[in-house]
Amino acid sequence: MELRGKESASIMGKSNPIYFPWIQSLIKPKGDVALLGFSDNTYFNGDLYDLSLNNWNINSDWKLPQKYDTIICTRCAYFAKHPEDFIKRCYNNLSYEYLEGKAF
């Protein structure tokens, strides 16, 4: 069964009150932040990228409009048709200042 739109968001959001406070305790963003798969700044501050905002599709050949110091994507790999490609794209969209110039 494939879920879309509000139906998918309502199912995923049920764990948010437990999941995101835990994630916030672990992730400490630095510098410019991209939030992949986020449609609001409820839990983290940063530039939002999400299918519902019509500005990002995890399964397209995406590239962010700028390099980021931190990229947060808490559930995206589950929805990526090619998870390894998704991780490489995230890595390649990070600022080199934190990566010592190494790219895939």
Protein backbone atom coordinates (compact mmCIF):
# COMPACT_ATOMS: atom_id res chain seq x y z
CA MET A 1 0.00 0.00 0.00
CA GLU A 2 1.41 3.38 -0.99
CA LEU A 3 0.49 6.37 1.16
CA ARG A 4 0.33 9.89 -0.19
CA GLY A 5 -0.23 13.42 1.05
CA LYS A 6 -2.12 13.99 4.28
CA GLU A 7 -2.65 10.26 4.86
CA SER A 8 1.10 9.63 4.90
CA ALA A 9 1.85 12.69 7.03
CA SER A 10 -0.77 11.79 9.63
CA ILE A 11 0.67 8.29 10.08
CA MET A 12 4.29 9.47 10.24
CA GLY A 13 3.50 12.31 12.63
CA LYS A 14 2.12 10.07 15.36
CA SER A 15 5.59 9.33 16.73
CA ASN A 16 6.80 12.95 16.51
CA PRO A 17 6.19 13.84 20.20
CA ILE A 18 8.51 11.01 21.22
CA TYR A 19 10.88 10.87 18.26
CA PHE A 20 11.84 14.52 17.75
CA PRO A 21 12.70 15.47 21.35
CA TRP A 22 15.04 12.48 21.34
CA ILE A 23 16.53 13.50 17.97
CA GLN A 24 16.93 17.10 19.19
CA SER A 25 18.95 15.84 22.15
CA LEU A 26 21.37 14.09 19.75
CA ILE A 27 21.67 16.49 16.79
CA LYS A 28 23.30 19.87 17.37
CA PRO A 29 23.24 21.78 14.05
CA LYS A 30 26.13 24.11 13.20
CA GLY A 31 26.28 26.88 10.61
CA ASP A 32 23.90 26.91 7.65
CA VAL A 33 21.33 24.12 8.00
CA ALA A 34 19.29 22.24 5.35
CA LEU A 35 16.29 20.26 6.56
CA LEU A 36 15.50 17.50 4.05
CA GLY A 37 12.02 16.08 4.34
CA PHE A 38 10.86 18.87 6.67
CA SER A 39 7.92 21.15 5.87
CA ASP A 40 8.24 23.42 8.93
CA ASN A 41 10.75 24.64 11.50
CA THR A 42 9.00 23.12 14.52
CA TYR A 43 11.98 21.05 15.64
CA PHE A 44 15.02 22.59 13.91
CA ASN A 45 15.79 25.94 12.28
CA GLY A 46 17.03 25.88 8.72
CA ASP A 47 16.11 25.91 5.04
CA LEU A 48 13.21 23.55 4.38
CA TYR A 49 13.17 21.04 1.53
CA ASP A 50 10.21 18.73 1.09
CA LEU A 51 7.99 17.23 -1.59
CA SER A 52 4.98 18.95 0.02
CA LEU A 53 6.72 22.32 -0.51
CA ASN A 54 7.33 21.48 -4.19
CA ASN A 55 11.03 22.27 -3.83
CA TRP A 56 12.65 18.85 -3.36
CA ASN A 57 12.03 15.25 -4.36
CA ILE A 58 14.18 12.61 -2.71
CA ASN A 59 14.05 10.37 -5.78
CA SER A 60 15.04 13.00 -8.35
CA ASP A 61 18.54 14.09 -9.40
CA TRP A 62 18.53 16.81 -6.77
CA LYS A 63 21.15 19.36 -5.85
CA LEU A 64 20.61 22.01 -3.19
CA PRO A 65 20.99 25.68 -4.21
CA GLN A 66 23.90 26.14 -1.80
CA LYS A 67 26.35 24.12 0.29
CA TYR A 68 25.33 23.55 3.93
CA ASP A 69 27.33 23.04 7.10
CA THR A 70 24.64 20.71 8.49
CA ILE A 71 22.08 18.58 6.66
CA ILE A 72 19.37 16.99 8.78
CA CYS A 73 17.26 14.23 7.27
CA THR A 74 15.79 11.99 9.91
CA ARG A 75 13.61 9.63 7.88
CA CYS A 76 14.59 10.22 4.27
CA ALA A 77 16.67 7.11 3.65
CA TYR A 78 13.58 4.95 4.19
CA PHE A 79 11.89 6.61 1.21
CA ALA A 80 14.87 6.79 -1.14
CA LYS A 81 14.72 4.37 -4.04
CA HIS A 82 18.54 4.40 -4.00
CA PRO A 83 19.67 5.07 -0.39
CA GLU A 84 23.38 5.04 -1.22
CA ASP A 85 22.85 7.71 -3.91
CA PHE A 86 20.82 9.74 -1.42
CA ILE A 87 23.67 9.65 1.14
CA LYS A 88 26.22 10.62 -1.54
CA ARG A 89 24.04 13.57 -2.59
CA CYS A 90 23.80 14.73 1.02
CA TYR A 91 27.57 14.46 1.41
CA ASN A 92 28.19 16.36 -1.83
CA ASN A 93 25.87 19.17 -0.67
CA LEU A 94 27.83 19.75 2.54
CA SER A 95 30.23 22.65 2.96
CA TYR A 96 33.80 21.52 2.44
CA GLU A 97 34.90 23.45 5.51
CA TYR A 98 33.68 20.53 7.64
CA LEU A 99 34.72 17.80 5.19
CA GLU A 100 38.34 18.75 4.57
CA GLY A 101 37.64 18.89 0.80
CA LYS A 102 36.77 15.22 0.41
CA ALA A 103 33.83 14.34 -1.85
CA PHE A 104 32.44 11.14 -3.30
